[in-house]
Every structure is written in structure tokens, then in C-alpha cells.
Amino acid sequence: MNMRWVALAALMCACSSDRIVETDEAYFAWDQRRSLCGVGLDDKLGVGMGDIREGIERARDRDEALIFYAHDIGDDLPAERLEQVLQITSDLGVPFLTFPDLHRDPTPRAGVVITFDDAFVDNWHGARDLFAAYDARATFFMTRFWKQTRTRKDKLHELLALGHAIESHGHNHIDGPRYAEELGVQAYVDDEVLPSLDAMREDGFDPSTFAYPYGARTGQLDAAILERVELVRSLSWLFASSALVQDPCPE
């Protein structure tokens, strides 16, 4: 069984009553925060479209950016469900922003930031026409970039040319707090963060943000990684991998 979903299911039992509109830390209010948080869109999380609409309405009404995360477009997030989210956002007149937009233009405004994690390049690329139909731009946080074929790297370049963002999700998808607990914070930066950034930059990308593998973070990791990138992103569920893990959604 996929251990990612084991962790998610356990946390859903404790957090299923949470509503997006009440998850303040998933909204970016154009303040000085650089460690941000996303709420899940994946189908198995069970978040209803009414909850999603209500959450986007808050972003519209308060000039905030609401951050979502997902994984593949298919098993985790069916294309039909993704299209519903795109349609709701479009119907409410809320623009789609990329994660780097949050630091490149600090003008307060409403926005929906849809991010995808891991390395599902083929189905991300396969959804490009769906995104285009709603004038939607997404952010794809790539892990194990160094393992990708030339064909897949070219697909990422095509997504970039279409206005999407290609950002870093780590060199080998390593749990940060656990690694730092064993080897130190700087070792995590040296072994997981910098090689990912370097590999992507060598191929012509310009990553300026980092999404934590498993959403696992600490304040010490934030401080060290934010010396190298502009923003970091965690998730709205607690992946308690070590004693160093802090609230994955810092307020």
C-alpha cells in the first residue's frame, strides 16, 4: 500500500472536519511569510467541491492567494475533478497564479495557486490543453530531475513555455526533518536542495521556490533553504517523521 496515503488517511481521521475557508495558513495575504502551505486536491482526501468553492470565494473576497497541492493527474486527481476546480475558479473570476508569482509581484490580489508534486511529467504534460482551456497556469514541483529522460525534460520545457512554473521538490525526495536529525540541516541542503536546483538550472530552468518532500519541515530547515530560494511550501497535513517536525502549516 502506498505509504503516502497511509499517512494522509491517518491525518484525515483527525482533521476531516477542517474546512478550507478556515485554514488560514493556506492563504497567502501578501505579507512577509516565506514558508507557505497548501491544501490538498487529490481525490482520496475527500475534499468536496462546495468546500473548494467556498475556499476560493474567500480568496476572491479578501484579495488572498489560496494554495492547493496535488500529485498526478489521473489516479490521485482525476482530470474530471481537476476540470471542476478550474471551472469554479474561472466562474468566480479568480486568476490562476504560479508559486513564483507570489514573490515576483507582491501586489495584493486574489488568486488560486495549483501546485503538483513529484515527477508525473507525462500526465502533467498531457493535461496542457485542459489548462489552456481555462487560461490556467500551474506549478510543477519536480523531484529526481536528474533521472528524467531528455523527452520528459523537453515536456517540462514546453510546459514552462506555456506559462507554467517548473520548481524544485528535492533531488531524491528525502524527508528533511529525518535527514537533518541524523546528519544535520546543512547536510540536507547540500545533499537534497542544492543538487536539485543545480540540475534544473543546468538544463535551463530557473527554480526560485522549493516544496518539501512529504510536506515535512522545521523552522531550522526553512531558515537554511530560504537562503537559497525565495519561498518554501509544505502541506496541510502533519507528517510526523521525527522529533524535529514542526507544524507543517506555519502561521
C-alpha atoms as a PDB file:
ATOM      1  CA  MET A   1       0.000   0.000   0.000  1.00  0.00           C
ATOM      2  CA  ASN A   2       1.269   3.484  -0.836  1.00  0.00           C
ATOM      3  CA  MET A   3       2.707   4.861   2.423  1.00  0.00           C
ATOM      4  CA  ARG A   4       1.883   8.405   1.361  1.00  0.00           C
ATOM      5  CA  TRP A   5      -1.798   7.550   1.535  1.00  0.00           C
ATOM      6  CA  VAL A   6      -1.365   5.723   4.850  1.00  0.00           C
ATOM      7  CA  ALA A   7      -0.060   8.958   6.331  1.00  0.00           C
ATOM      8  CA  LEU A   8      -2.773  11.001   4.683  1.00  0.00           C
ATOM      9  CA  ALA A   9      -5.564   8.674   5.777  1.00  0.00           C
ATOM     10  CA  ALA A  10      -4.430   8.751   9.390  1.00  0.00           C
ATOM     11  CA  LEU A  11      -4.409  12.511   9.382  1.00  0.00           C
ATOM     12  CA  MET A  12      -7.763  12.774   7.641  1.00  0.00           C
ATOM     13  CA  CYS A  13      -9.313  10.935  10.585  1.00  0.00           C
ATOM     14  CA  ALA A  14      -8.125  13.715  12.869  1.00  0.00           C
ATOM     15  CA  CYS A  15      -8.706  16.615  10.521  1.00  0.00           C
ATOM     16  CA  SER A  16     -11.737  15.684   8.395  1.00  0.00           C
ATOM     17  CA  SER A  17     -13.859  18.419   9.962  1.00  0.00           C
ATOM     18  CA  ASP A  18     -11.462  21.132   8.801  1.00  0.00           C
ATOM     19  CA  ARG A  19     -12.749  23.427   6.086  1.00  0.00           C
ATOM     20  CA  ILE A  20     -10.559  25.136   3.539  1.00  0.00           C
ATOM     21  CA  VAL A  21     -12.101  28.518   4.295  1.00  0.00           C
ATOM     22  CA  GLU A  22     -10.972  28.144   7.925  1.00  0.00           C
ATOM     23  CA  THR A  23      -7.424  27.038   7.081  1.00  0.00           C
ATOM     24  CA  ASP A  24      -5.859  30.485   7.353  1.00  0.00           C
ATOM     25  CA  GLU A  25      -2.313  29.251   6.765  1.00  0.00           C
ATOM     26  CA  ALA A  26      -3.242  28.008   3.262  1.00  0.00           C
ATOM     27  CA  TYR A  27      -3.955  31.594   2.207  1.00  0.00           C
ATOM     28  CA  PHE A  28      -1.172  33.998   1.314  1.00  0.00           C
ATOM     29  CA  ALA A  29      -2.153  37.544   2.278  1.00  0.00           C
ATOM     30  CA  TRP A  30       0.811  39.172   0.505  1.00  0.00           C
ATOM     31  CA  ASP A  31       2.644  39.593   3.783  1.00  0.00           C
ATOM     32  CA  GLN A  32       6.219  38.747   4.759  1.00  0.00           C
ATOM     33  CA  ARG A  33       5.692  34.994   5.118  1.00  0.00           C
ATOM     34  CA  ARG A  34       8.077  32.879   3.075  1.00  0.00           C
ATOM     35  CA  SER A  35       7.132  29.444   4.403  1.00  0.00           C
ATOM     36  CA  LEU A  36       3.714  28.723   2.901  1.00  0.00           C
ATOM     37  CA  CYS A  37       1.246  25.857   2.963  1.00  0.00           C
ATOM     38  CA  GLY A  38      -1.094  24.110   0.537  1.00  0.00           C
ATOM     39  CA  VAL A  39      -4.370  22.241   0.959  1.00  0.00           C
ATOM     40  CA  GLY A  40      -4.971  19.005  -0.912  1.00  0.00           C
ATOM     41  CA  LEU A  41      -6.973  18.480  -4.081  1.00  0.00           C
ATOM     42  CA  ASP A  42      -6.230  14.776  -4.537  1.00  0.00           C
ATOM     43  CA  ASP A  43      -9.404  12.719  -4.802  1.00  0.00           C
ATOM     44  CA  LYS A  44      -8.593  10.391  -1.892  1.00  0.00           C
ATOM     45  CA  LEU A  45      -8.526  13.329   0.531  1.00  0.00           C
ATOM     46  CA  GLY A  46     -12.288  13.648   0.129  1.00  0.00           C
ATOM     47  CA  VAL A  47     -12.472  17.438  -0.111  1.00  0.00           C
ATOM     48  CA  GLY A  48     -15.813  18.396  -1.649  1.00  0.00           C
ATOM     49  CA  MET A  49     -16.368  20.897  -4.428  1.00  0.00           C
ATOM     50  CA  GLY A  50     -18.558  23.003  -2.161  1.00  0.00           C
ATOM     51  CA  ASP A  51     -15.661  23.328   0.263  1.00  0.00           C
ATOM     52  CA  ILE A  52     -13.322  24.211  -2.593  1.00  0.00           C
ATOM     53  CA  ARG A  53     -15.725  26.831  -3.960  1.00  0.00           C
ATOM     54  CA  GLU A  54     -16.149  28.383  -0.517  1.00  0.00           C
ATOM     55  CA  GLY A  55     -12.379  28.499  -0.110  1.00  0.00           C
ATOM     56  CA  ILE A  56     -11.886  30.217  -3.455  1.00  0.00           C
ATOM     57  CA  GLU A  57     -14.651  32.698  -2.655  1.00  0.00           C
ATOM     58  CA  ARG A  58     -12.718  33.736   0.446  1.00  0.00           C
ATOM     59  CA  ALA A  59      -9.597  34.328  -1.669  1.00  0.00           C
ATOM     60  CA  ARG A  60     -11.662  36.439  -4.063  1.00  0.00           C
ATOM     61  CA  ASP A  61     -13.311  38.483  -1.334  1.00  0.00           C
ATOM     62  CA  ARG A  62     -10.151  39.128   0.687  1.00  0.00           C
ATOM     63  CA  ASP A  63      -7.568  39.545  -2.091  1.00  0.00           C
ATOM     64  CA  GLU A  64      -5.661  36.477  -0.918  1.00  0.00           C
ATOM     65  CA  ALA A  65      -3.953  33.675  -2.815  1.00  0.00           C
ATOM     66  CA  LEU A  66      -5.229  30.185  -1.976  1.00  0.00           C
ATOM     67  CA  ILE A  67      -2.633  27.444  -2.441  1.00  0.00           C
ATOM     68  CA  PHE A  68      -3.594  23.910  -3.481  1.00  0.00           C
ATOM     69  CA  TYR A  69      -1.419  20.843  -3.967  1.00  0.00           C
ATOM     70  CA  ALA A  70      -1.932  17.613  -5.886  1.00  0.00           C
ATOM     71  CA  HIS A  71       0.185  14.866  -7.404  1.00  0.00           C
ATOM     72  CA  ASP A  72      -0.587  13.071 -10.650  1.00  0.00           C
ATOM     73  CA  ILE A  73      -3.471  13.939 -12.945  1.00  0.00           C
ATOM     74  CA  GLY A  74      -5.211  10.598 -13.130  1.00  0.00           C
ATOM     75  CA  ASP A  75      -5.212   8.275 -10.134  1.00  0.00           C
ATOM     76  CA  ASP A  76      -4.615  10.965  -7.497  1.00  0.00           C
ATOM     77  CA  LEU A  77      -6.500  13.802  -9.152  1.00  0.00           C
ATOM     78  CA  PRO A  78      -8.808  12.654 -11.964  1.00  0.00           C
ATOM     79  CA  ALA A  79      -8.928  15.040 -14.910  1.00  0.00           C
ATOM     80  CA  GLU A  80     -12.671  15.493 -14.384  1.00  0.00           C
ATOM     81  CA  ARG A  81     -12.114  16.664 -10.815  1.00  0.00           C
ATOM     82  CA  LEU A  82      -9.307  18.994 -11.882  1.00  0.00           C
ATOM     83  CA  GLU A  83     -11.589  20.484 -14.524  1.00  0.00           C
ATOM     84  CA  GLN A  84     -14.251  21.142 -11.889  1.00  0.00           C
ATOM     85  CA  VAL A  85     -11.710  23.135  -9.868  1.00  0.00           C
ATOM     86  CA  LEU A  86     -10.625  25.063 -12.953  1.00  0.00           C
ATOM     87  CA  GLN A  87     -14.261  25.766 -13.847  1.00  0.00           C
ATOM     88  CA  ILE A  88     -15.117  27.015 -10.342  1.00  0.00           C
ATOM     89  CA  THR A  89     -12.084  29.287 -10.300  1.00  0.00           C
ATOM     90  CA  SER A  90     -12.943  30.652 -13.733  1.00  0.00           C
ATOM     91  CA  ASP A  91     -16.623  31.141 -12.864  1.00  0.00           C
ATOM     92  CA  LEU A  92     -15.646  33.136  -9.769  1.00  0.00           C
ATOM     93  CA  GLY A  93     -13.355  35.351 -11.831  1.00  0.00           C
ATOM     94  CA  VAL A  94     -10.256  34.482  -9.812  1.00  0.00           C
ATOM     95  CA  PRO A  95      -6.965  34.411 -11.752  1.00  0.00           C
ATOM     96  CA  PHE A  96      -4.565  31.492 -11.675  1.00  0.00           C
ATOM     97  CA  LEU A  97      -1.132  32.298 -10.266  1.00  0.00           C
ATOM     98  CA  THR A  98       2.078  30.294 -10.154  1.00  0.00           C
ATOM     99  CA  PHE A  99       4.017  29.848  -6.943  1.00  0.00           C
ATOM    100  CA  PRO A 100       6.829  32.164  -8.124  1.00  0.00           C
ATOM    101  CA  ASP A 101       4.216  34.861  -8.837  1.00  0.00           C
ATOM    102  CA  LEU A 102       3.818  35.163  -5.068  1.00  0.00           C
ATOM    103  CA  HIS A 103       7.292  36.643  -4.672  1.00  0.00           C
ATOM    104  CA  ARG A 104       7.760  38.263  -8.067  1.00  0.00           C
ATOM    105  CA  ASP A 105       4.789  40.619  -7.788  1.00  0.00           C
ATOM    106  CA  PRO A 106       3.708  41.462  -4.218  1.00  0.00           C
ATOM    107  CA  THR A 107       0.629  43.418  -5.318  1.00  0.00           C
ATOM    108  CA  PRO A 108      -2.263  42.195  -3.105  1.00  0.00           C
ATOM    109  CA  ARG A 109      -4.805  40.380  -5.259  1.00  0.00           C
ATOM    110  CA  ALA A 110      -6.984  37.312  -5.350  1.00  0.00           C
ATOM    111  CA  GLY A 111      -5.513  34.187  -6.846  1.00  0.00           C
ATOM    112  CA  VAL A 112      -5.594  30.409  -6.969  1.00  0.00           C
ATOM    113  CA  VAL A 113      -2.233  28.631  -6.957  1.00  0.00           C
ATOM    114  CA  ILE A 114      -2.449  25.000  -8.096  1.00  0.00           C
ATOM    115  CA  THR A 115       0.725  23.025  -7.467  1.00  0.00           C
ATOM    116  CA  PHE A 116       1.673  19.457  -8.373  1.00  0.00           C
ATOM    117  CA  ASP A 117       4.383  17.405  -6.665  1.00  0.00           C
ATOM    118  CA  ASP A 118       6.719  14.570  -7.655  1.00  0.00           C
ATOM    119  CA  ALA A 119       7.566  13.603 -11.253  1.00  0.00           C
ATOM    120  CA  PHE A 120       4.370  12.788 -13.160  1.00  0.00           C
ATOM    121  CA  VAL A 121       5.677  14.590 -16.211  1.00  0.00           C
ATOM    122  CA  ASP A 122       3.763  12.657 -18.847  1.00  0.00           C
ATOM    123  CA  ASN A 123       0.294  13.193 -17.397  1.00  0.00           C
ATOM    124  CA  TRP A 124       1.040  16.797 -16.408  1.00  0.00           C
ATOM    125  CA  HIS A 125       2.070  17.447 -19.982  1.00  0.00           C
ATOM    126  CA  GLY A 126      -0.957  15.519 -21.223  1.00  0.00           C
ATOM    127  CA  ALA A 127      -3.252  17.962 -19.401  1.00  0.00           C
ATOM    128  CA  ARG A 128      -1.815  21.057 -21.101  1.00  0.00           C
ATOM    129  CA  ASP A 129      -4.876  21.542 -23.314  1.00  0.00           C
ATOM    130  CA  LEU A 130      -7.154  21.319 -20.275  1.00  0.00           C
ATOM    131  CA  PHE A 131      -5.182  24.048 -18.523  1.00  0.00           C
ATOM    132  CA  ALA A 132      -5.188  26.158 -21.679  1.00  0.00           C
ATOM    133  CA  ALA A 133      -8.979  25.890 -21.998  1.00  0.00           C
ATOM    134  CA  TYR A 134      -9.302  27.802 -18.713  1.00  0.00           C
ATOM    135  CA  ASP A 135      -6.272  30.044 -19.186  1.00  0.00           C
ATOM    136  CA  ALA A 136      -4.859  28.288 -16.138  1.00  0.00           C
ATOM    137  CA  ARG A 137      -1.232  28.198 -15.099  1.00  0.00           C
ATOM    138  CA  ALA A 138       0.076  25.635 -12.628  1.00  0.00           C
ATOM    139  CA  THR A 139       3.294  25.000 -10.736  1.00  0.00           C
ATOM    140  CA  PHE A 140       5.031  21.646 -11.106  1.00  0.00           C
ATOM    141  CA  PHE A 141       7.397  20.824  -8.253  1.00  0.00           C
ATOM    142  CA  MET A 142       9.839  18.283  -9.705  1.00  0.00           C
ATOM    143  CA  THR A 143      11.751  15.672  -7.763  1.00  0.00           C
ATOM    144  CA  ARG A 144      14.526  13.465  -9.153  1.00  0.00           C
ATOM    145  CA  PHE A 145      15.005  15.789 -12.098  1.00  0.00           C
ATOM    146  CA  TRP A 146      18.379  14.162 -12.696  1.00  0.00           C
ATOM    147  CA  LYS A 147      16.671  10.844 -13.534  1.00  0.00           C
ATOM    148  CA  GLN A 148      14.353  12.236 -16.203  1.00  0.00           C
ATOM    149  CA  THR A 149      14.810  11.363 -19.866  1.00  0.00           C
ATOM    150  CA  ARG A 150      15.508  14.045 -22.429  1.00  0.00           C
ATOM    151  CA  THR A 151      11.968  13.606 -23.715  1.00  0.00           C
ATOM    152  CA  ARG A 152      10.473  14.322 -20.308  1.00  0.00           C
ATOM    153  CA  LYS A 153      12.747  17.296 -19.720  1.00  0.00           C
ATOM    154  CA  ASP A 154      11.608  18.675 -23.070  1.00  0.00           C
ATOM    155  CA  LYS A 155       7.987  18.250 -21.973  1.00  0.00           C
ATOM    156  CA  LEU A 156       8.766  20.317 -18.884  1.00  0.00           C
ATOM    157  CA  HIS A 157      10.300  22.994 -21.090  1.00  0.00           C
ATOM    158  CA  GLU A 158       7.122  23.009 -23.169  1.00  0.00           C
ATOM    159  CA  LEU A 159       5.031  23.493 -20.028  1.00  0.00           C
ATOM    160  CA  LEU A 160       7.320  26.341 -18.994  1.00  0.00           C
ATOM    161  CA  ALA A 161       6.878  27.985 -22.400  1.00  0.00           C
ATOM    162  CA  LEU A 162       3.097  27.766 -21.935  1.00  0.00           C
ATOM    163  CA  GLY A 163       3.319  29.854 -18.766  1.00  0.00           C
ATOM    164  CA  HIS A 164       3.517  27.163 -16.119  1.00  0.00           C
ATOM    165  CA  ALA A 165       6.249  27.122 -13.471  1.00  0.00           C
ATOM    166  CA  ILE A 166       8.785  24.315 -13.022  1.00  0.00           C
ATOM    167  CA  GLU A 167      10.167  24.321  -9.486  1.00  0.00           C
ATOM    168  CA  SER A 168      12.134  22.100  -7.096  1.00  0.00           C
ATOM    169  CA  HIS A 169      10.812  19.240  -4.963  1.00  0.00           C
ATOM    170  CA  GLY A 170      14.202  17.861  -3.987  1.00  0.00           C
ATOM    171  CA  HIS A 171      16.968  15.802  -5.553  1.00  0.00           C
ATOM    172  CA  ASN A 172      15.839  12.398  -4.265  1.00  0.00           C
ATOM    173  CA  HIS A 173      12.588  13.163  -2.397  1.00  0.00           C
ATOM    174  CA  ILE A 174      14.231  12.870   1.025  1.00  0.00           C
ATOM    175  CA  ASP A 175      12.375  13.549   4.277  1.00  0.00           C
ATOM    176  CA  GLY A 176      14.019  16.754   5.513  1.00  0.00           C
ATOM    177  CA  PRO A 177      13.477  16.593   9.291  1.00  0.00           C
ATOM    178  CA  ARG A 178      14.552  12.947   9.497  1.00  0.00           C
ATOM    179  CA  TYR A 179      17.677  13.587   7.410  1.00  0.00           C
ATOM    180  CA  ALA A 180      18.557  16.715   9.375  1.00  0.00           C
ATOM    181  CA  GLU A 181      18.069  14.871  12.654  1.00  0.00           C
ATOM    182  CA  GLU A 182      20.606  12.255  11.577  1.00  0.00           C
ATOM    183  CA  LEU A 183      23.124  14.313   9.597  1.00  0.00           C
ATOM    184  CA  GLY A 184      22.348  17.979  10.210  1.00  0.00           C
ATOM    185  CA  VAL A 185      20.433  20.743   8.479  1.00  0.00           C
ATOM    186  CA  GLN A 186      23.341  21.746   6.248  1.00  0.00           C
ATOM    187  CA  ALA A 187      23.708  18.170   5.029  1.00  0.00           C
ATOM    188  CA  TYR A 188      20.099  18.245   3.844  1.00  0.00           C
ATOM    189  CA  VAL A 189      20.683  21.495   1.994  1.00  0.00           C
ATOM    190  CA  ASP A 190      23.895  20.161   0.442  1.00  0.00           C
ATOM    191  CA  ASP A 191      22.550  16.728  -0.482  1.00  0.00           C
ATOM    192  CA  GLU A 192      18.886  17.350  -1.327  1.00  0.00           C
ATOM    193  CA  VAL A 193      18.244  21.015  -2.094  1.00  0.00           C
ATOM    194  CA  LEU A 194      21.303  22.317  -3.921  1.00  0.00           C
ATOM    195  CA  PRO A 195      21.751  19.337  -6.298  1.00  0.00           C
ATOM    196  CA  SER A 196      18.117  19.689  -7.356  1.00  0.00           C
ATOM    197  CA  LEU A 197      18.436  23.412  -8.005  1.00  0.00           C
ATOM    198  CA  ASP A 198      21.736  22.945  -9.829  1.00  0.00           C
ATOM    199  CA  ALA A 199      20.464  20.152 -12.090  1.00  0.00           C
ATOM    200  CA  MET A 200      17.411  22.154 -13.082  1.00  0.00           C
ATOM    201  CA  ARG A 201      19.413  25.310 -13.731  1.00  0.00           C
ATOM    202  CA  GLU A 202      21.925  23.434 -15.841  1.00  0.00           C
ATOM    203  CA  ASP A 203      19.029  22.377 -18.069  1.00  0.00           C
ATOM    204  CA  GLY A 204      17.729  25.922 -18.499  1.00  0.00           C
ATOM    205  CA  PHE A 205      15.151  26.189 -15.720  1.00  0.00           C
ATOM    206  CA  ASP A 206      15.245  28.868 -13.038  1.00  0.00           C
ATOM    207  CA  PRO A 207      13.711  27.429  -9.856  1.00  0.00           C
ATOM    208  CA  SER A 208      13.147  30.015  -7.145  1.00  0.00           C
ATOM    209  CA  THR A 209      10.918  28.012  -4.789  1.00  0.00           C
ATOM    210  CA  PHE A 210      11.085  24.634  -3.046  1.00  0.00           C
ATOM    211  CA  ALA A 211       8.336  22.221  -1.948  1.00  0.00           C
ATOM    212  CA  TYR A 212       9.228  19.926   0.933  1.00  0.00           C
ATOM    213  CA  PRO A 213       9.045  16.188   0.216  1.00  0.00           C
ATOM    214  CA  TYR A 214       6.154  14.807   2.280  1.00  0.00           C
ATOM    215  CA  GLY A 215       5.463  18.370   3.431  1.00  0.00           C
ATOM    216  CA  ALA A 216       7.882  17.730   6.299  1.00  0.00           C
ATOM    217  CA  ARG A 217       9.655  20.850   7.542  1.00  0.00           C
ATOM    218  CA  THR A 218      11.186  22.565  10.546  1.00  0.00           C
ATOM    219  CA  GLY A 219      11.995  26.187  11.251  1.00  0.00           C
ATOM    220  CA  GLN A 220      15.697  25.359  11.013  1.00  0.00           C
ATOM    221  CA  LEU A 221      15.230  23.878   7.556  1.00  0.00           C
ATOM    222  CA  ASP A 222      13.166  26.879   6.484  1.00  0.00           C
ATOM    223  CA  ALA A 223      15.925  29.267   7.518  1.00  0.00           C
ATOM    224  CA  ALA A 224      18.637  27.324   5.711  1.00  0.00           C
ATOM    225  CA  ILE A 225      16.704  26.679   2.496  1.00  0.00           C
ATOM    226  CA  LEU A 226      15.380  30.242   2.289  1.00  0.00           C
ATOM    227  CA  GLU A 227      18.971  31.395   1.895  1.00  0.00           C
ATOM    228  CA  ARG A 228      18.834  29.622  -1.489  1.00  0.00           C
ATOM    229  CA  VAL A 229      15.252  30.168  -2.691  1.00  0.00           C
ATOM    230  CA  GLU A 230      12.540  32.781  -2.234  1.00  0.00           C
ATOM    231  CA  LEU A 231       9.708  30.606  -0.883  1.00  0.00           C
ATOM    232  CA  VAL A 232       9.154  27.125   0.524  1.00  0.00           C
ATOM    233  CA  ARG A 233       5.902  25.159   0.561  1.00  0.00           C
ATOM    234  CA  SER A 234       4.654  22.489   2.935  1.00  0.00           C
ATOM    235  CA  LEU A 235       1.296  20.711   3.192  1.00  0.00           C
ATOM    236  CA  SER A 236      -1.819  20.921   5.314  1.00  0.00           C
ATOM    237  CA  TRP A 237      -1.298  17.544   6.991  1.00  0.00           C
ATOM    238  CA  LEU A 238       1.285  16.641   9.619  1.00  0.00           C
ATOM    239  CA  PHE A 239       3.880  14.128   8.503  1.00  0.00           C
ATOM    240  CA  ALA A 240       5.433  13.445  11.902  1.00  0.00           C
ATOM    241  CA  SER A 241       8.664  11.850  10.732  1.00  0.00           C
ATOM    242  CA  SER A 242      10.882  12.919  13.632  1.00  0.00           C
ATOM    243  CA  ALA A 243      11.010  14.921  16.817  1.00  0.00           C
ATOM    244  CA  LEU A 244      12.145  17.943  14.813  1.00  0.00           C
ATOM    245  CA  VAL A 245       8.954  18.240  12.784  1.00  0.00           C
ATOM    246  CA  GLN A 246       7.006  21.437  13.435  1.00  0.00           C
ATOM    247  CA  ASP A 247       3.522  22.474  12.375  1.00  0.00           C
ATOM    248  CA  PRO A 248       3.612  21.857   8.608  1.00  0.00           C
ATOM    249  CA  CYS A 249       1.466  24.925   8.085  1.00  0.00           C
ATOM    250  CA  PRO A 250       3.261  27.755   9.910  1.00  0.00           C
ATOM    251  CA  GLU A 251       1.063  30.775  10.566  1.00  0.00           C
END
